Protein backbone atom coordinates (compact mmCIF):
# COMPACT_ATOMS: atom_id res chain seq x y z
CA MET A 1 -1.55 32.15 21.75
CA LEU A 2 1.16 31.17 19.19
CA SER A 3 -1.36 28.91 17.51
CA VAL A 4 -3.79 31.93 17.27
CA ILE A 5 -1.04 34.11 15.76
CA GLN A 6 -0.13 31.40 13.30
CA GLN A 7 -3.83 30.69 12.23
CA TYR A 8 -4.39 34.56 11.78
CA ILE A 9 -1.19 34.82 9.68
CA HIS A 10 -2.20 31.96 7.53
CA ASN A 11 -5.76 33.38 6.98
CA VAL A 12 -4.24 36.65 5.87
CA LYS A 13 -1.84 35.10 3.49
CA GLY A 14 -4.69 33.28 2.03
CA PHE A 15 -6.84 36.37 1.26
CA ASN A 16 -8.24 36.76 -2.30
CA ARG A 17 -6.15 39.21 -4.33
CA ASN A 18 -9.09 41.63 -4.62
CA VAL A 19 -9.30 41.71 -0.62
CA LYS A 20 -5.46 42.69 -0.58
CA LEU A 21 -6.12 45.35 -3.15
CA TYR A 22 -8.85 46.86 -1.18
CA ILE A 23 -6.70 46.82 2.07
CA LEU A 24 -4.03 48.80 0.09
CA ALA A 25 -6.49 51.35 -1.10
CA THR A 26 -7.79 51.54 2.60
CA VAL A 27 -4.17 52.32 3.59
CA LEU A 28 -3.96 55.40 1.34
CA ILE A 29 -7.42 56.73 2.12
CA ASN A 30 -7.22 56.50 5.75
CA ILE A 31 -4.07 58.19 6.10
CA GLY A 32 -5.84 61.10 4.13
CA PHE A 33 -8.88 60.80 6.57
CA GLY A 34 -6.58 60.73 9.59
CA VAL A 35 -4.76 64.13 8.55
CA PHE A 36 -7.98 65.72 7.28
CA TYR A 37 -10.09 64.99 10.59
CA ALA A 38 -6.94 65.78 12.83
CA ASP A 39 -6.83 69.35 11.44
CA PHE A 40 -10.26 70.23 9.88
CA ASN A 41 -12.31 71.25 13.04
CA LEU A 42 -9.40 73.47 14.07
CA TYR A 43 -9.07 74.83 10.46
CA ILE A 44 -12.67 76.01 10.63
CA LEU A 45 -12.21 77.48 14.17
CA SER A 46 -8.80 79.29 13.19
CA MET A 47 -10.85 81.22 10.51
CA GLY A 48 -13.19 82.75 13.33
CA MET A 49 -16.24 80.52 12.64
CA THR A 50 -18.16 79.30 15.72
CA PRO A 51 -18.56 75.75 17.21
CA ASP A 52 -22.36 75.71 16.41
CA PHE A 53 -21.56 76.42 12.75
CA LEU A 54 -18.92 73.70 12.82
CA GLY A 55 -21.66 71.36 14.12
CA VAL A 56 -23.81 72.44 10.91
CA ILE A 57 -20.89 71.71 8.69
CA LEU A 58 -20.32 68.20 10.35
CA SER A 59 -23.87 67.27 10.09
CA LEU A 60 -24.27 67.95 6.35
CA ALA A 61 -22.31 64.81 5.25
CA PRO A 62 -23.89 62.29 7.51
CA PHE A 63 -27.32 63.48 6.40
CA ALA A 64 -26.33 63.49 2.84
CA GLU A 65 -24.90 60.17 3.15
CA GLY A 66 -28.21 58.79 4.53
CA LEU A 67 -29.91 60.05 1.49
CA SER A 68 -27.43 58.71 -0.96
CA SER A 69 -26.98 55.27 0.64
CA ILE A 70 -29.70 53.49 -1.34
CA PRO A 71 -28.62 54.91 -4.62
CA LEU A 72 -25.13 54.02 -4.09
CA GLY A 73 -26.04 50.44 -3.21
CA PHE A 74 -28.10 50.26 -6.37
CA LEU A 75 -25.23 51.71 -8.33
CA ALA A 76 -22.92 49.11 -6.90
CA GLU A 77 -25.15 46.17 -7.91
CA LYS A 78 -25.60 47.68 -11.54
CA ILE A 79 -22.03 48.57 -12.23
CA GLY A 80 -20.07 46.52 -9.88
CA PHE A 81 -17.83 46.96 -6.81
CA LYS A 82 -14.61 47.97 -8.76
CA ARG A 83 -16.22 50.93 -10.72
CA SER A 84 -18.18 51.98 -7.75
CA LEU A 85 -15.29 52.13 -5.39
CA ILE A 86 -13.21 54.07 -8.03
CA MET A 87 -15.86 56.74 -8.56
CA VAL A 88 -16.19 57.09 -4.74
CA TYR A 89 -12.50 57.62 -4.13
CA ILE A 90 -12.21 60.24 -7.08
CA VAL A 91 -15.17 62.28 -5.83
CA LEU A 92 -14.07 62.20 -2.37
CA GLY A 93 -10.81 63.63 -3.00
CA ILE A 94 -12.39 66.37 -5.13
CA ALA A 95 -14.80 67.07 -2.31
CA TYR A 96 -12.33 67.29 0.40
CA PHE A 97 -10.36 69.76 -1.61
CA LEU A 98 -13.40 71.94 -2.06
CA GLN A 99 -13.76 72.25 1.79
CA VAL A 100 -10.14 73.84 2.03
CA ILE A 101 -9.53 75.73 -1.29
CA SER A 102 -11.35 78.74 -0.11
CA PRO A 103 -12.95 80.19 3.22
CA ALA A 104 -16.20 80.75 1.56
CA ARG A 105 -18.82 79.15 3.80
CA TRP A 106 -20.98 78.19 0.76
CA LEU A 107 -18.04 76.13 -0.78
CA ILE A 108 -17.08 74.51 2.60
CA MET A 109 -20.72 73.29 2.84
CA LEU A 110 -20.83 72.04 -0.76
CA GLY A 111 -17.81 70.07 -0.21
CA SER A 112 -19.21 68.52 2.89
CA LEU A 113 -22.43 67.76 1.06
CA MET A 114 -20.26 66.02 -1.83
CA VAL A 115 -18.40 64.16 0.67
CA GLY A 116 -21.63 62.77 2.40
CA LEU A 117 -23.15 61.86 -0.99
CA VAL A 118 -20.53 59.44 -1.98
CA ILE A 119 -18.54 58.39 1.18
CA GLY A 120 -20.98 55.92 2.40
CA GLY A 121 -20.16 53.90 -0.73
CA ASN A 122 -16.90 52.91 0.93
CA PHE A 123 -18.77 51.19 3.91
CA ILE A 124 -21.69 50.14 1.98
CA ILE A 125 -19.72 48.17 -0.66
CA GLN A 126 -17.20 46.79 1.90
CA LEU A 127 -19.57 44.33 3.51
CA PRO A 128 -20.76 42.56 0.43
CA TYR A 129 -17.30 43.03 -1.28
CA LEU A 130 -15.46 41.15 1.63
CA SER A 131 -18.29 38.65 2.09
CA HIS A 132 -18.11 37.96 -1.73
CA TYR A 133 -14.37 37.18 -1.65
CA THR A 134 -14.15 35.31 1.59
CA ARG A 135 -15.54 32.22 3.15
CA GLU A 136 -13.93 30.55 6.03
CA ASP A 137 -11.72 33.62 6.55
CA ARG A 138 -14.45 36.15 6.70
CA ASN A 139 -13.91 37.24 10.32
CA SER A 140 -10.21 37.48 9.67
CA ALA A 141 -10.71 39.82 6.68
CA PHE A 142 -13.17 42.13 8.61
CA SER A 143 -10.78 42.16 11.47
CA MET A 144 -7.61 42.91 9.41
CA THR A 145 -9.71 45.70 7.40
CA THR A 146 -10.64 47.07 10.53
CA LEU A 147 -7.18 46.83 11.94
CA VAL A 148 -5.66 48.56 8.82
CA TYR A 149 -8.15 51.34 9.10
CA TYR A 150 -7.17 52.13 12.71
CA ILE A 151 -3.36 52.09 12.04
CA THR A 152 -3.50 54.25 9.04
CA TYR A 153 -6.02 56.47 10.46
CA ALA A 154 -3.86 56.95 13.44
CA ALA A 155 -0.74 57.44 11.38
CA GLY A 156 -2.57 60.32 9.39
CA GLY A 157 -3.59 61.61 12.88
CA LEU A 158 -0.21 61.79 14.10
CA ILE A 159 0.93 63.40 10.77
CA GLY A 160 -1.73 65.96 10.97
CA SER A 161 -1.13 66.65 14.64
CA ARG A 162 2.69 67.03 14.26
CA LEU A 163 3.21 68.97 11.16
CA PRO A 164 1.39 72.15 11.85
CA ALA A 165 4.10 73.05 14.46
CA LEU A 166 6.66 72.63 12.01
CA LEU A 167 5.06 74.25 9.10
CA ASN A 168 3.65 77.35 10.97
CA PRO A 169 6.97 79.06 11.49
CA LEU A 170 7.69 78.73 7.64
CA LEU A 171 4.10 79.77 6.48
CA MET A 172 3.44 82.36 9.17
CA ASN A 173 -0.32 81.60 9.14
CA GLU A 174 -2.14 79.08 11.05
CA THR A 175 -5.04 78.95 8.55
CA LEU A 176 -2.62 78.57 5.69
CA THR A 177 -0.79 75.86 7.46
CA TYR A 178 -4.07 73.74 8.00
CA ARG A 179 -5.03 74.54 4.27
CA VAL A 180 -1.79 73.11 2.98
CA LEU A 181 -2.06 69.80 5.14
CA LEU A 182 -5.66 69.15 4.28
CA SER A 183 -4.90 69.73 0.58
CA GLY A 184 -2.31 67.05 0.87
CA ALA A 185 -4.75 64.70 2.65
CA SER A 186 -7.37 65.23 -0.21
CA LEU A 187 -4.62 64.06 -2.66
CA LEU A 188 -3.98 60.83 -0.50
CA VAL A 189 -7.67 60.08 -0.72
CA LEU A 190 -7.75 60.70 -4.55
CA LEU A 191 -4.83 58.32 -4.80
CA GLY A 192 -6.66 55.61 -3.02
CA SER A 193 -8.57 54.94 -6.37
CA LEU A 194 -5.27 53.68 -8.13
CA PRO A 195 -5.20 50.12 -6.31
CA MET A 196 -8.74 49.59 -7.27
CA LEU A 197 -7.84 49.68 -10.92
CA PHE A 198 -6.25 46.36 -10.73
CA VAL A 199 -9.24 44.67 -9.01
CA GLU A 200 -10.94 41.97 -11.19
CA ASP A 201 -13.95 43.37 -13.29
CA ASP A 202 -16.98 42.35 -11.24
CA LYS A 203 -19.70 43.63 -13.42
CA PRO A 204 -23.00 41.71 -12.63
CA ASP A 205 -24.52 39.33 -14.90
CA PRO A 206 -26.52 41.30 -17.28
CA GLY A 207 -29.50 38.99 -16.80
CA ARG A 208 -29.57 39.41 -13.10
CA ASP A 209 -32.73 41.34 -11.79
CA ILE A 210 -31.52 44.36 -9.80
CA SER A 211 -34.11 46.74 -8.41
CA PHE A 212 -34.69 49.20 -5.65
CA GLU A 213 -37.28 46.76 -4.08
CA PRO A 214 -34.90 44.93 -1.71
CA TYR A 215 -33.99 48.30 -0.12
CA LEU A 216 -37.42 50.01 0.06
CA LYS A 217 -39.80 47.00 0.38
CA GLY A 218 -37.95 43.77 0.61
CA MET A 219 -36.08 44.26 3.80
CA ASP A 220 -36.48 41.31 6.09
CA LEU A 221 -37.05 41.55 9.77
CA ASN A 222 -33.28 41.12 10.65
CA THR A 223 -32.33 44.02 8.28
CA ARG A 224 -34.89 46.39 10.22
CA LYS A 225 -33.39 45.40 13.45
CA PHE A 226 -29.86 45.89 12.47
CA ALA A 227 -31.04 49.34 11.08
CA ILE A 228 -32.66 50.26 14.33
CA THR A 229 -29.64 49.24 16.60
CA GLU A 230 -27.15 51.09 14.27
CA PHE A 231 -28.87 54.33 14.69
CA PHE A 232 -27.95 54.54 18.29
CA ILE A 233 -24.39 53.25 17.53
CA GLY A 234 -24.01 56.30 15.12
CA LEU A 235 -25.09 58.58 18.06
CA SER A 236 -22.94 57.00 20.60
CA PHE A 237 -19.89 57.15 18.24
CA ALA A 238 -20.22 60.70 16.98
CA PHE A 239 -20.77 62.67 20.20
CA ILE A 240 -17.24 61.60 21.20
CA THR A 241 -15.28 61.26 17.97
CA SER A 242 -16.80 64.02 15.87
CA PHE A 243 -15.37 66.67 18.31
CA LEU A 244 -12.43 64.74 19.56
CA ASN A 245 -9.59 67.18 18.75
CA ILE A 246 -11.71 70.19 20.15
CA ILE A 247 -12.26 68.01 23.30
CA PHE A 248 -8.45 67.67 23.71
CA VAL A 249 -7.53 71.31 22.84
CA TYR A 250 -10.44 73.09 24.55
CA TYR A 251 -11.71 70.81 27.30
CA PHE A 252 -8.42 69.03 28.38
CA HIS A 253 -6.44 72.00 27.54
CA SER A 254 -3.91 69.76 25.88
CA THR A 255 -2.07 70.18 22.71
CA LEU A 256 -2.78 69.00 19.13
CA GLU A 257 0.38 66.98 19.44
CA PHE A 258 -0.97 65.25 22.40
CA TYR A 259 -4.20 64.39 20.53
CA GLY A 260 -1.96 63.04 17.58
CA THR A 261 -0.06 60.82 20.07
CA THR A 262 -3.06 59.54 21.56
CA LEU A 263 -4.30 58.39 18.01
CA ALA A 264 -1.14 56.79 17.50
CA VAL A 265 -1.19 55.00 20.89
CA LEU A 266 -4.59 53.63 20.00
CA VAL A 267 -3.06 51.34 17.57
CA ILE A 268 -1.73 49.14 20.51
CA PRO A 269 -5.07 48.11 22.00
CA THR A 270 -6.74 48.24 18.79
CA THR A 271 -4.31 45.69 17.41
CA LEU A 272 -4.63 43.39 20.27
CA PHE A 273 -8.57 43.41 20.26
CA LEU A 274 -8.87 42.96 16.59
CA PHE A 275 -5.98 40.52 16.36
CA LEU A 276 -7.67 38.23 19.07
CA GLY A 277 -11.15 39.07 17.68
CA PRO A 278 -11.72 36.07 15.45
CA ALA A 279 -10.39 33.79 18.26
CA ILE A 280 -12.61 35.54 20.90
CA ALA A 281 -15.53 35.07 18.70
CA GLY A 282 -14.80 31.40 18.10
CA LYS A 283 -14.87 30.95 21.90
CA LEU A 284 -17.79 33.15 22.76
CA GLY A 285 -19.70 33.47 19.54
CA ASN A 286 -19.90 36.89 17.66
CA LEU A 287 -22.81 38.15 19.46
CA ARG A 288 -21.79 37.55 23.08
CA ALA A 289 -18.32 39.21 22.39
CA VAL A 290 -20.27 42.04 20.77
CA LEU A 291 -22.47 42.54 23.99
CA ILE A 292 -19.60 42.45 26.35
CA ALA A 293 -17.54 44.95 24.21
CA ARG A 294 -20.55 47.37 24.08
CA THR A 295 -21.02 47.27 27.65
CA MET A 296 -17.37 48.45 28.13
CA VAL A 297 -18.07 51.26 25.67
CA VAL A 298 -21.01 52.63 27.74
CA PHE A 299 -18.56 53.05 30.84
CA MET A 300 -15.72 54.30 28.81
CA ALA A 301 -17.80 57.00 27.18
CA PHE A 302 -18.44 58.30 30.61
CA GLY A 303 -14.82 58.13 31.40
CA VAL A 304 -13.74 60.42 28.55
CA VAL A 305 -15.43 63.64 29.70
CA MET A 306 -15.84 62.87 33.43
CA THR A 307 -12.41 64.53 33.95
CA ILE A 308 -10.39 67.45 32.68
CA ASN A 309 -7.04 65.22 33.21
CA PRO A 310 -5.74 64.79 29.58
CA TYR A 311 -4.22 61.47 30.60
CA ILE A 312 -7.31 60.00 32.09
CA GLY A 313 -9.26 61.14 29.39
CA ALA A 314 -7.13 60.01 26.66
CA ALA A 315 -6.97 56.36 28.43
CA ALA A 316 -10.66 56.39 28.46
CA PHE A 317 -11.01 57.31 24.93
CA LEU A 318 -8.36 54.54 23.86
CA LEU A 319 -10.66 51.84 25.60
CA PHE A 320 -13.73 53.39 24.23
CA ARG A 321 -12.29 53.29 20.51
CA SER A 322 -10.90 49.94 20.97
CA PHE A 323 -14.09 48.22 22.25
CA PHE A 324 -16.03 50.01 19.78
CA GLY A 325 -14.02 48.98 16.77
CA PHE A 326 -13.88 45.44 18.15
CA SER A 327 -17.44 45.29 18.55
CA GLN A 328 -18.32 46.73 15.23
CA SER A 329 -16.04 44.35 13.33
CA LEU A 330 -17.81 41.28 14.72
CA TRP A 331 -21.26 42.92 14.43
CA PHE A 332 -20.68 43.47 10.74
CA SER A 333 -19.50 39.84 10.32
CA PHE A 334 -22.57 38.70 12.24
CA ALA A 335 -24.99 40.94 10.35
CA THR A 336 -23.76 39.42 6.91
CA SER A 337 -23.83 35.94 8.37
CA VAL A 338 -27.55 35.91 9.51
CA SER A 339 -28.74 37.83 6.36
CA THR A 340 -29.70 36.05 3.16
CA ARG A 341 -27.37 36.57 0.04
CA ARG A 342 -30.03 38.63 -1.58
CA SER A 343 -30.48 40.94 1.43
CA ARG A 344 -26.88 41.65 2.42
CA MET A 345 -26.61 44.72 0.27
CA ALA A 346 -29.79 45.90 1.90
CA THR A 347 -28.51 45.28 5.24
CA SER A 348 -25.27 47.05 4.41
CA VAL A 349 -27.13 49.89 3.09
CA TRP A 350 -29.57 50.44 6.00
CA LEU A 351 -26.83 49.93 8.48
CA GLU A 352 -25.01 53.04 6.92
CA ILE A 353 -28.28 55.07 6.57
CA THR A 354 -29.23 54.78 10.16
CA PHE A 355 -25.58 55.07 11.36
CA GLN A 356 -25.20 58.30 9.53
CA ILE A 357 -28.50 59.92 10.75
CA GLY A 358 -27.26 59.06 14.23
CA MET A 359 -24.00 60.87 13.41
CA GLY A 360 -25.74 63.79 11.82
CA ILE A 361 -27.98 64.49 14.82
CA ALA A 362 -25.01 64.13 17.14
CA ALA A 363 -23.07 66.64 15.06
CA LEU A 364 -25.75 69.23 15.33
CA VAL A 365 -26.59 68.76 19.08
CA GLY A 366 -22.87 68.29 19.83
CA GLY A 367 -21.86 71.57 18.13
CA GLN A 368 -24.58 73.54 20.36
CA LEU A 369 -23.26 71.68 23.46
CA ILE A 370 -19.74 72.77 22.84
CA ALA A 371 -21.05 76.43 22.11
CA ALA A 372 -22.56 76.31 25.35
CA GLY A 373 -19.63 74.65 27.16
CA ALA A 374 -21.43 71.77 28.08
CA PHE A 375 -18.43 69.22 27.13
CA ARG A 376 -19.66 66.51 29.72
CA MET A 377 -22.93 66.01 28.16
CA LEU A 378 -21.15 64.61 25.06
CA GLY A 379 -20.04 61.82 26.94
CA VAL A 380 -23.36 61.29 28.87
CA ILE A 381 -25.39 61.26 25.68
CA SER A 382 -22.89 58.90 24.06
CA ALA A 383 -23.02 56.46 27.07
CA VAL A 384 -26.80 56.52 27.09
CA SER A 385 -27.12 55.83 23.37
CA MET A 386 -24.87 52.85 23.50
CA ALA A 387 -26.88 51.69 26.57
CA VAL A 388 -29.95 51.79 24.41
CA CYS A 389 -28.06 49.83 21.55
CA LEU A 390 -26.86 47.19 24.06
CA ALA A 391 -30.59 46.54 25.24
CA LEU A 392 -31.86 46.46 21.70
CA THR A 393 -29.09 44.06 20.66
CA TYR A 394 -29.94 41.75 23.31
CA LYS A 395 -33.62 42.09 22.70
CA TYR A 396 -33.48 41.55 18.93
CA PHE A 397 -30.98 38.68 18.82
CA GLY A 398 -30.04 37.38 22.48
CA LYS A 399 -32.97 34.67 22.45
CA GLU A 400 -32.03 33.08 19.08
CA TYR A 401 -28.26 33.37 19.31
CA LEU A 402 -27.47 33.23 22.95
CA THR A 403 -29.98 31.01 24.56
CA ALA A 404 -29.95 28.56 21.88
CA LEU A 405 -26.10 28.98 21.04
CA LYS A 406 -26.98 29.04 17.52
CA LYS A 407 -24.07 29.76 15.32
CA PRO A 408 -24.91 32.70 13.14
CA GLU A 409 -22.99 31.07 10.13
CA MET A 410 -25.58 28.30 10.00
CA ALA A 411 -28.53 30.68 10.33
CA ILE A 412 -29.25 31.74 6.69
CA SER A 413 -26.83 30.96 3.51
CA GLU A 414 -29.05 31.52 0.63
């Protein structure tokens, strides 16, 4: 155990400066995300809007993200990672602010669309960005980035869940309280662009041939397999997480503070899983570890909504989210390892497109289920979706990377 810790610390210290700056930007942005998504759903309901309309709002961003993913990938290759990420973070901050500056439905929907049009760039660029600046420490970089995401998102969730109770007596208006907090969260996202100003300029070689063809016509077979599988991952994830604060407040009849505490506690199992992730992957292989983790996600998705006891539901969610994050960090590393250098951006883009389509569908259907009071169906559909994903993962990659014990790092390197 001590040797694992020492090796992990050694890898982190050795990260490229550009990786460290990206992680710093991730800290600012995800604290903002955590605050925003702790309060946004409740902010919408506080204005008298219905759960099914909330589902429509939550679906706009994923669908827009699916449409914009290919142009964003193309843009990143044209102008470079640095410029692309700065643009993404600035537009994101403005778009989040638009969603809370006014109760006008059209402005909220416009902000949601704007979020969807650019937020995918953060994920799309992350895979090739980290792959470009890492080699032997790639698993550690993906693991650390995911860990930082969870810690800072949980910190934001804790802030967003605790401050309303403190600000409400001062502002004397629940909606105004949420609006103030959500505006602050928007500012944090905007500030995430600052660390990226110090990243090395990575504008591609002007002579390099960059076109839409790799995204539309040049997808290899692995890219298609990853894309199909990722659709079901998006479904499974969103049926639980898109409505989590509503599940806690209206299904468990718990408090927003308990929801925030749950997000904070999430850091403990997440840290354990992601800290040990590279070592586990080294022992079992990335794919075998992914399959085991996804099996656990199936059971935990059922567990979240099979009881109205908030403590049991929270425990199930903690394991659901931990196994999910653990599997995804290794899944992304596996995806980049078995993709050619030329197809990595296409793989990253199509993973994002299909994941967001799944999330958009889950948001629309989930809003209708909540309006009908069918909370348990959220967990059932989430579990079934992940079971399909599990079967596809084994079907597509199991024979080559499990039976033959072939290491993905050796699969394709050009």
